[in-house]
Amino acid sequence: MHAFENFDRAAMSAGAIPRRYKEMIALAVALTTQCPYSLEIHRTNALNAGVTEGEIAEVVFLAASMRATATIAHGTHLLGPRR
């Protein structure tokens, strides 16, 4: 667990991507994977990093779009020609 905590801290620290953007990315992933723990942690972290409610709303729409896109893309394979 200690190793994971160090890994997570390094991944979420500011680098080429600023922390606020990393928190928005983490929120989008948490919405897509539907992890309630990650949603709460990254919502709090995002707000603390200066992310606005409006930006979080856009993250929600983006995550919904990505889930829908994946569903449609995989659905086309189900409906494609039979072999």
PDB file of N, CA and C in Angstrom:
ATOM      1  N   MET A   1       0.825  -1.184   0.000  1.00  0.00           N
ATOM      2  CA  MET A   1       0.000   0.000   0.000  1.00  0.00           C
ATOM      3  C   MET A   1       0.875   1.256   0.000  1.00  0.00           C
ATOM      4  N   HIS A   2       1.967   1.193   0.739  1.00  0.00           N
ATOM      5  CA  HIS A   2       2.883   2.339   0.784  1.00  0.00           C
ATOM      6  C   HIS A   2       3.433   2.640  -0.615  1.00  0.00           C
ATOM      7  N   ALA A   3       3.788   1.598  -1.343  1.00  0.00           N
ATOM      8  CA  ALA A   3       4.309   1.781  -2.705  1.00  0.00           C
ATOM      9  C   ALA A   3       3.247   2.401  -3.604  1.00  0.00           C
ATOM     10  N   PHE A   4       1.993   1.955  -3.470  1.00  0.00           N
ATOM     11  CA  PHE A   4       0.923   2.532  -4.291  1.00  0.00           C
ATOM     12  C   PHE A   4       0.713   4.000  -3.950  1.00  0.00           C
ATOM     13  N   GLU A   5       0.716   4.327  -2.664  1.00  0.00           N
ATOM     14  CA  GLU A   5       0.535   5.726  -2.254  1.00  0.00           C
ATOM     15  C   GLU A   5       1.627   6.616  -2.844  1.00  0.00           C
ATOM     16  N   ASN A   6       2.861   6.142  -2.855  1.00  0.00           N
ATOM     17  CA  ASN A   6       3.957   6.897  -3.467  1.00  0.00           C
ATOM     18  C   ASN A   6       3.746   7.053  -4.965  1.00  0.00           C
ATOM     19  N   PHE A   7       3.330   5.972  -5.627  1.00  0.00           N
ATOM     20  CA  PHE A   7       3.044   6.005  -7.058  1.00  0.00           C
ATOM     21  C   PHE A   7       1.934   7.011  -7.360  1.00  0.00           C
ATOM     22  N   ASP A   8       0.843   6.944  -6.604  1.00  0.00           N
ATOM     23  CA  ASP A   8      -0.299   7.839  -6.816  1.00  0.00           C
ATOM     24  C   ASP A   8       0.104   9.294  -6.593  1.00  0.00           C
ATOM     25  N   ARG A   9       0.861   9.549  -5.548  1.00  0.00           N
ATOM     26  CA  ARG A   9       1.314  10.912  -5.251  1.00  0.00           C
ATOM     27  C   ARG A   9       2.175  11.454  -6.392  1.00  0.00           C
ATOM     28  N   ALA A  10       3.057  10.615  -6.930  1.00  0.00           N
ATOM     29  CA  ALA A  10       3.912  11.038  -8.048  1.00  0.00           C
ATOM     30  C   ALA A  10       3.080  11.288  -9.304  1.00  0.00           C
ATOM     31  N   ALA A  11       2.125  10.415  -9.566  1.00  0.00           N
ATOM     32  CA  ALA A  11       1.289  10.564 -10.766  1.00  0.00           C
ATOM     33  C   ALA A  11       0.441  11.827 -10.715  1.00  0.00           C
ATOM     34  N   MET A  12      -0.025  12.206  -9.531  1.00  0.00           N
ATOM     35  CA  MET A  12      -0.927  13.343  -9.402  1.00  0.00           C
ATOM     36  C   MET A  12      -0.201  14.658  -9.129  1.00  0.00           C
ATOM     37  N   SER A  13       1.106  14.614  -8.939  1.00  0.00           N
ATOM     38  CA  SER A  13       1.816  15.866  -8.670  1.00  0.00           C
ATOM     39  C   SER A  13       1.939  16.678  -9.955  1.00  0.00           C
ATOM     40  N   ALA A  14       2.095  17.969  -9.784  1.00  0.00           N
ATOM     41  CA  ALA A  14       2.224  18.857 -10.940  1.00  0.00           C
ATOM     42  C   ALA A  14       3.475  18.496 -11.732  1.00  0.00           C
ATOM     43  N   GLY A  15       3.336  18.516 -13.029  1.00  0.00           N
ATOM     44  CA  GLY A  15       4.446  18.240 -13.938  1.00  0.00           C
ATOM     45  C   GLY A  15       4.154  18.964 -15.235  1.00  0.00           C
ATOM     46  N   ALA A  16       4.300  18.275 -16.349  1.00  0.00           N
ATOM     47  CA  ALA A  16       3.955  18.865 -17.642  1.00  0.00           C
ATOM     48  C   ALA A  16       2.459  19.205 -17.685  1.00  0.00           C
ATOM     49  N   ILE A  17       1.655  18.421 -16.968  1.00  0.00           N
ATOM     50  CA  ILE A  17       0.220  18.689 -16.846  1.00  0.00           C
ATOM     51  C   ILE A  17      -0.010  19.269 -15.449  1.00  0.00           C
ATOM     52  N   PRO A  18      -0.587  20.464 -15.364  1.00  0.00           N
ATOM     53  CA  PRO A  18      -0.845  21.058 -14.048  1.00  0.00           C
ATOM     54  C   PRO A  18      -1.808  20.210 -13.209  1.00  0.00           C
ATOM     55  N   ARG A  19      -1.698  20.327 -11.918  1.00  0.00           N
ATOM     56  CA  ARG A  19      -2.506  19.522 -10.987  1.00  0.00           C
ATOM     57  C   ARG A  19      -4.004  19.653 -11.243  1.00  0.00           C
ATOM     58  N   ARG A  20      -4.493  20.862 -11.514  1.00  0.00           N
ATOM     59  CA  ARG A  20      -5.938  21.045 -11.715  1.00  0.00           C
ATOM     60  C   ARG A  20      -6.415  20.233 -12.911  1.00  0.00           C
ATOM     61  N   TYR A  21      -5.601  20.147 -13.979  1.00  0.00           N
ATOM     62  CA  TYR A  21      -5.983  19.350 -15.146  1.00  0.00           C
ATOM     63  C   TYR A  21      -5.928  17.867 -14.824  1.00  0.00           C
ATOM     64  N   LYS A  22      -4.938  17.475 -14.043  1.00  0.00           N
ATOM     65  CA  LYS A  22      -4.850  16.065 -13.644  1.00  0.00           C
ATOM     66  C   LYS A  22      -6.076  15.667 -12.832  1.00  0.00           C
ATOM     67  N   GLU A  23      -6.554  16.566 -11.976  1.00  0.00           N
ATOM     68  CA  GLU A  23      -7.743  16.253 -11.184  1.00  0.00           C
ATOM     69  C   GLU A  23      -8.980  16.154 -12.073  1.00  0.00           C
ATOM     70  N   MET A  24      -9.067  16.991 -13.110  1.00  0.00           N
ATOM     71  CA  MET A  24     -10.200  16.880 -14.034  1.00  0.00           C
ATOM     72  C   MET A  24     -10.130  15.568 -14.813  1.00  0.00           C
ATOM     73  N   ILE A  25      -8.939  15.176 -15.220  1.00  0.00           N
ATOM     74  CA  ILE A  25      -8.764  13.890 -15.904  1.00  0.00           C
ATOM     75  C   ILE A  25      -9.173  12.754 -14.967  1.00  0.00           C
ATOM     76  N   ALA A  26      -8.704  12.828 -13.718  1.00  0.00           N
ATOM     77  CA  ALA A  26      -9.033  11.792 -12.743  1.00  0.00           C
ATOM     78  C   ALA A  26     -10.540  11.724 -12.515  1.00  0.00           C
ATOM     79  N   LEU A  27     -11.208  12.861 -12.485  1.00  0.00           N
ATOM     80  CA  LEU A  27     -12.666  12.861 -12.345  1.00  0.00           C
ATOM     81  C   LEU A  27     -13.337  12.188 -13.530  1.00  0.00           C
ATOM     82  N   ALA A  28     -12.867  12.488 -14.737  1.00  0.00           N
ATOM     83  CA  ALA A  28     -13.450  11.859 -15.932  1.00  0.00           C
ATOM     84  C   ALA A  28     -13.271  10.343 -15.890  1.00  0.00           C
ATOM     85  N   VAL A  29     -12.095   9.902 -15.486  1.00  0.00           N
ATOM     86  CA  VAL A  29     -11.843   8.459 -15.376  1.00  0.00           C
ATOM     87  C   VAL A  29     -12.731   7.857 -14.297  1.00  0.00           C
ATOM     88  N   ALA A  30     -12.832   8.518 -13.152  1.00  0.00           N
ATOM     89  CA  ALA A  30     -13.665   8.009 -12.065  1.00  0.00           C
ATOM     90  C   ALA A  30     -15.130   7.932 -12.471  1.00  0.00           C
ATOM     91  N   LEU A  31     -15.584   8.907 -13.234  1.00  0.00           N
ATOM     92  CA  LEU A  31     -16.959   8.854 -13.743  1.00  0.00           C
ATOM     93  C   LEU A  31     -17.140   7.682 -14.699  1.00  0.00           C
ATOM     94  N   THR A  32     -16.146   7.450 -15.530  1.00  0.00           N
ATOM     95  CA  THR A  32     -16.228   6.366 -16.506  1.00  0.00           C
ATOM     96  C   THR A  32     -16.184   5.005 -15.828  1.00  0.00           C
ATOM     97  N   THR A  33     -15.332   4.867 -14.817  1.00  0.00           N
ATOM     98  CA  THR A  33     -15.230   3.586 -14.103  1.00  0.00           C
ATOM     99  C   THR A  33     -16.276   3.484 -12.997  1.00  0.00           C
ATOM    100  N   GLN A  34     -16.919   4.599 -12.692  1.00  0.00           N
ATOM    101  CA  GLN A  34     -17.972   4.692 -11.682  1.00  0.00           C
ATOM    102  C   GLN A  34     -17.492   4.262 -10.298  1.00  0.00           C
ATOM    103  N   CYS A  35     -16.312   4.761  -9.926  1.00  0.00           N
ATOM    104  CA  CYS A  35     -15.739   4.469  -8.617  1.00  0.00           C
ATOM    105  C   CYS A  35     -16.157   5.564  -7.630  1.00  0.00           C
ATOM    106  N   PRO A  36     -17.036   5.253  -6.678  1.00  0.00           N
ATOM    107  CA  PRO A  36     -17.523   6.299  -5.764  1.00  0.00           C
ATOM    108  C   PRO A  36     -16.425   6.906  -4.901  1.00  0.00           C
ATOM    109  N   TYR A  37     -15.431   6.120  -4.528  1.00  0.00           N
ATOM    110  CA  TYR A  37     -14.348   6.635  -3.691  1.00  0.00           C
ATOM    111  C   TYR A  37     -13.501   7.635  -4.474  1.00  0.00           C
ATOM    112  N   SER A  38     -13.144   7.262  -5.698  1.00  0.00           N
ATOM    113  CA  SER A  38     -12.353   8.167  -6.536  1.00  0.00           C
ATOM    114  C   SER A  38     -13.132   9.427  -6.871  1.00  0.00           C
ATOM    115  N   LEU A  39     -14.429   9.285  -7.092  1.00  0.00           N
ATOM    116  CA  LEU A  39     -15.249  10.460  -7.388  1.00  0.00           C
ATOM    117  C   LEU A  39     -15.185  11.474  -6.245  1.00  0.00           C
ATOM    118  N   GLU A  40     -15.343  11.013  -5.028  1.00  0.00           N
ATOM    119  CA  GLU A  40     -15.336  11.927  -3.890  1.00  0.00           C
ATOM    120  C   GLU A  40     -13.952  12.531  -3.668  1.00  0.00           C
ATOM    121  N   ILE A  41     -12.927  11.702  -3.719  1.00  0.00           N
ATOM    122  CA  ILE A  41     -11.560  12.191  -3.493  1.00  0.00           C
ATOM    123  C   ILE A  41     -11.169  13.211  -4.553  1.00  0.00           C
ATOM    124  N   HIS A  42     -11.409  12.890  -5.837  1.00  0.00           N
ATOM    125  CA  HIS A  42     -10.947  13.781  -6.902  1.00  0.00           C
ATOM    126  C   HIS A  42     -11.845  14.998  -7.064  1.00  0.00           C
ATOM    127  N   ARG A  43     -13.111  14.916  -6.657  1.00  0.00           N
ATOM    128  CA  ARG A  43     -13.962  16.113  -6.640  1.00  0.00           C
ATOM    129  C   ARG A  43     -13.395  17.100  -5.620  1.00  0.00           C
ATOM    130  N   THR A  44     -13.112  16.618  -4.423  1.00  0.00           N
ATOM    131  CA  THR A  44     -12.550  17.478  -3.377  1.00  0.00           C
ATOM    132  C   THR A  44     -11.199  18.045  -3.818  1.00  0.00           C
ATOM    133  N   ASN A  45     -10.341  17.175  -4.358  1.00  0.00           N
ATOM    134  CA  ASN A  45      -9.022  17.637  -4.814  1.00  0.00           C
ATOM    135  C   ASN A  45      -9.145  18.644  -5.950  1.00  0.00           C
ATOM    136  N   ALA A  46     -10.089  18.418  -6.860  1.00  0.00           N
ATOM    137  CA  ALA A  46     -10.285  19.335  -7.982  1.00  0.00           C
ATOM    138  C   ALA A  46     -10.711  20.708  -7.477  1.00  0.00           C
ATOM    139  N   LEU A  47     -11.686  20.728  -6.581  1.00  0.00           N
ATOM    140  CA  LEU A  47     -12.137  22.004  -6.030  1.00  0.00           C
ATOM    141  C   LEU A  47     -10.993  22.707  -5.297  1.00  0.00           C
ATOM    142  N   ASN A  48     -10.196  21.951  -4.550  1.00  0.00           N
ATOM    143  CA  ASN A  48      -9.049  22.537  -3.842  1.00  0.00           C
ATOM    144  C   ASN A  48      -7.983  23.047  -4.809  1.00  0.00           C
ATOM    145  N   ALA A  49      -7.935  22.474  -6.013  1.00  0.00           N
ATOM    146  CA  ALA A  49      -6.963  22.904  -7.024  1.00  0.00           C
ATOM    147  C   ALA A  49      -7.498  24.056  -7.871  1.00  0.00           C
ATOM    148  N   GLY A  50      -8.699  24.539  -7.532  1.00  0.00           N
ATOM    149  CA  GLY A  50      -9.247  25.694  -8.243  1.00  0.00           C
ATOM    150  C   GLY A  50     -10.168  25.365  -9.396  1.00  0.00           C
ATOM    151  N   VAL A  51     -10.530  24.093  -9.566  1.00  0.00           N
ATOM    152  CA  VAL A  51     -11.468  23.709 -10.627  1.00  0.00           C
ATOM    153  C   VAL A  51     -12.849  24.225 -10.233  1.00  0.00           C
ATOM    154  N   THR A  52     -13.555  24.818 -11.184  1.00  0.00           N
ATOM    155  CA  THR A  52     -14.877  25.381 -10.901  1.00  0.00           C
ATOM    156  C   THR A  52     -15.970  24.327 -11.096  1.00  0.00           C
ATOM    157  N   GLU A  53     -17.142  24.628 -10.544  1.00  0.00           N
ATOM    158  CA  GLU A  53     -18.301  23.739 -10.744  1.00  0.00           C
ATOM    159  C   GLU A  53     -18.629  23.639 -12.242  1.00  0.00           C
ATOM    160  N   GLY A  54     -18.473  24.743 -12.973  1.00  0.00           N
ATOM    161  CA  GLY A  54     -18.717  24.724 -14.417  1.00  0.00           C
ATOM    162  C   GLY A  54     -17.767  23.785 -15.142  1.00  0.00           C
ATOM    163  N   GLU A  55     -16.499  23.783 -14.730  1.00  0.00           N
ATOM    164  CA  GLU A  55     -15.528  22.863 -15.331  1.00  0.00           C
ATOM    165  C   GLU A  55     -15.865  21.418 -14.986  1.00  0.00           C
ATOM    166  N   ILE A  56     -16.296  21.180 -13.748  1.00  0.00           N
ATOM    167  CA  ILE A  56     -16.697  19.819 -13.381  1.00  0.00           C
ATOM    168  C   ILE A  56     -17.893  19.383 -14.215  1.00  0.00           C
ATOM    169  N   ALA A  57     -18.835  20.282 -14.470  1.00  0.00           N
ATOM    170  CA  ALA A  57     -19.991  19.955 -15.312  1.00  0.00           C
ATOM    171  C   ALA A  57     -19.533  19.542 -16.711  1.00  0.00           C
ATOM    172  N   GLU A  58     -18.548  20.237 -17.263  1.00  0.00           N
ATOM    173  CA  GLU A  58     -18.033  19.863 -18.581  1.00  0.00           C
ATOM    174  C   GLU A  58     -17.341  18.511 -18.542  1.00  0.00           C
ATOM    175  N   VAL A  59     -16.643  18.219 -17.450  1.00  0.00           N
ATOM    176  CA  VAL A  59     -16.012  16.902 -17.287  1.00  0.00           C
ATOM    177  C   VAL A  59     -17.085  15.815 -17.305  1.00  0.00           C
ATOM    178  N   VAL A  60     -18.207  16.069 -16.628  1.00  0.00           N
ATOM    179  CA  VAL A  60     -19.315  15.098 -16.613  1.00  0.00           C
ATOM    180  C   VAL A  60     -19.811  14.847 -18.034  1.00  0.00           C
ATOM    181  N   PHE A  61     -20.017  15.903 -18.805  1.00  0.00           N
ATOM    182  CA  PHE A  61     -20.484  15.745 -20.180  1.00  0.00           C
ATOM    183  C   PHE A  61     -19.461  15.008 -21.037  1.00  0.00           C
ATOM    184  N   LEU A  62     -18.192  15.311 -20.827  1.00  0.00           N
ATOM    185  CA  LEU A  62     -17.135  14.639 -21.582  1.00  0.00           C
ATOM    186  C   LEU A  62     -17.106  13.148 -21.268  1.00  0.00           C
ATOM    187  N   ALA A  63     -17.171  12.803 -19.978  1.00  0.00           N
ATOM    188  CA  ALA A  63     -17.157  11.388 -19.585  1.00  0.00           C
ATOM    189  C   ALA A  63     -18.376  10.659 -20.148  1.00  0.00           C
ATOM    190  N   ALA A  64     -19.535  11.306 -20.120  1.00  0.00           N
ATOM    191  CA  ALA A  64     -20.750  10.697 -20.676  1.00  0.00           C
ATOM    192  C   ALA A  64     -20.593  10.458 -22.173  1.00  0.00           C
ATOM    193  N   SER A  65     -20.003  11.422 -22.857  1.00  0.00           N
ATOM    194  CA  SER A  65     -19.772  11.280 -24.293  1.00  0.00           C
ATOM    195  C   SER A  65     -18.824  10.125 -24.595  1.00  0.00           C
ATOM    196  N   MET A  66     -17.759  10.013 -23.805  1.00  0.00           N
ATOM    197  CA  MET A  66     -16.790   8.935 -24.026  1.00  0.00           C
ATOM    198  C   MET A  66     -17.411   7.567 -23.786  1.00  0.00           C
ATOM    199  N   ARG A  67     -18.234   7.440 -22.748  1.00  0.00           N
ATOM    200  CA  ARG A  67     -18.908   6.163 -22.486  1.00  0.00           C
ATOM    201  C   ARG A  67     -19.862   5.834 -23.622  1.00  0.00           C
ATOM    202  N   ALA A  68     -20.603   6.834 -24.077  1.00  0.00           N
ATOM    203  CA  ALA A  68     -21.555   6.605 -25.167  1.00  0.00           C
ATOM    204  C   ALA A  68     -20.822   6.234 -26.455  1.00  0.00           C
ATOM    205  N   THR A  69     -19.717   6.904 -26.724  1.00  0.00           N
ATOM    206  CA  THR A  69     -18.935   6.612 -27.925  1.00  0.00           C
ATOM    207  C   THR A  69     -18.442   5.176 -27.907  1.00  0.00           C
ATOM    208  N   ALA A  70     -17.934   4.724 -26.775  1.00  0.00           N
ATOM    209  CA  ALA A  70     -17.446   3.349 -26.673  1.00  0.00           C
ATOM    210  C   ALA A  70     -18.578   2.356 -26.871  1.00  0.00           C
ATOM    211  N   THR A  71     -19.733   2.639 -26.295  1.00  0.00           N
ATOM    212  CA  THR A  71     -20.879   1.751 -26.451  1.00  0.00           C
ATOM    213  C   THR A  71     -21.296   1.654 -27.910  1.00  0.00           C
ATOM    214  N   ILE A  72     -21.371   2.773 -28.583  1.00  0.00           N
ATOM    215  CA  ILE A  72     -21.759   2.778 -29.993  1.00  0.00           C
ATOM    216  C   ILE A  72     -20.711   2.077 -30.842  1.00  0.00           C
ATOM    217  N   ALA A  73     -19.442   2.354 -30.583  1.00  0.00           N
ATOM    218  CA  ALA A  73     -18.373   1.717 -31.360  1.00  0.00           C
ATOM    219  C   ALA A  73     -18.408   0.201 -31.205  1.00  0.00           C
ATOM    220  N   HIS A  74     -18.547  -0.284 -29.977  1.00  0.00           N
ATOM    221  CA  HIS A  74     -18.607  -1.729 -29.761  1.00  0.00           C
ATOM    222  C   HIS A  74     -19.894  -2.307 -30.332  1.00  0.00           C
ATOM    223  N   GLY A  75     -20.966  -1.530 -30.254  1.00  0.00           N
ATOM    224  CA  GLY A  75     -22.235  -1.980 -30.826  1.00  0.00           C
ATOM    225  C   GLY A  75     -22.166  -2.202 -32.323  1.00  0.00           C
ATOM    226  N   THR A  76     -21.373  -1.374 -33.013  1.00  0.00           N
ATOM    227  CA  THR A  76     -21.260  -1.568 -34.461  1.00  0.00           C
ATOM    228  C   THR A  76     -20.598  -2.897 -34.783  1.00  0.00           C
ATOM    229  N   HIS A  77     -19.729  -3.370 -33.915  1.00  0.00           N
ATOM    230  CA  HIS A  77     -19.102  -4.682 -34.124  1.00  0.00           C
ATOM    231  C   HIS A  77     -20.118  -5.800 -33.943  1.00  0.00           C
ATOM    232  N   LEU A  78     -21.055  -5.607 -33.030  1.00  0.00           N
ATOM    233  CA  LEU A  78     -22.105  -6.606 -32.836  1.00  0.00           C
ATOM    234  C   LEU A  78     -23.033  -6.699 -34.031  1.00  0.00           C
ATOM    235  N   LEU A  79     -23.224  -5.568 -34.695  1.00  0.00           N
ATOM    236  CA  LEU A  79     -24.159  -5.504 -35.811  1.00  0.00           C
ATOM    237  C   LEU A  79     -23.501  -5.686 -37.166  1.00  0.00           C
ATOM    238  N   GLY A  80     -22.186  -5.871 -37.169  1.00  0.00           N
ATOM    239  CA  GLY A  80     -21.458  -6.011 -38.425  1.00  0.00           C
ATOM    240  C   GLY A  80     -21.738  -7.357 -39.099  1.00  0.00           C
ATOM    241  N   PRO A  81     -21.106  -7.574 -40.249  1.00  0.00           N
ATOM    242  CA  PRO A  81     -21.324  -8.813 -40.999  1.00  0.00           C
ATOM    243  C   PRO A  81     -20.963 -10.035 -40.173  1.00  0.00           C
ATOM    244  N   ARG A  82     -21.726 -11.083 -40.340  1.00  0.00           N
ATOM    245  CA  ARG A  82     -21.474 -12.358 -39.650  1.00  0.00           C
ATOM    246  C   ARG A  82     -20.527 -13.199 -40.479  1.00  0.00           C
ATOM    247  N   ARG A  83     -19.699 -13.962 -39.818  1.00  0.00           N
ATOM    248  CA  ARG A  83     -18.768 -14.847 -40.530  1.00  0.00           C
ATOM    249  C   ARG A  83     -19.176 -16.261 -40.367  1.00  0.00           C
TER     250      ARG A  83
END
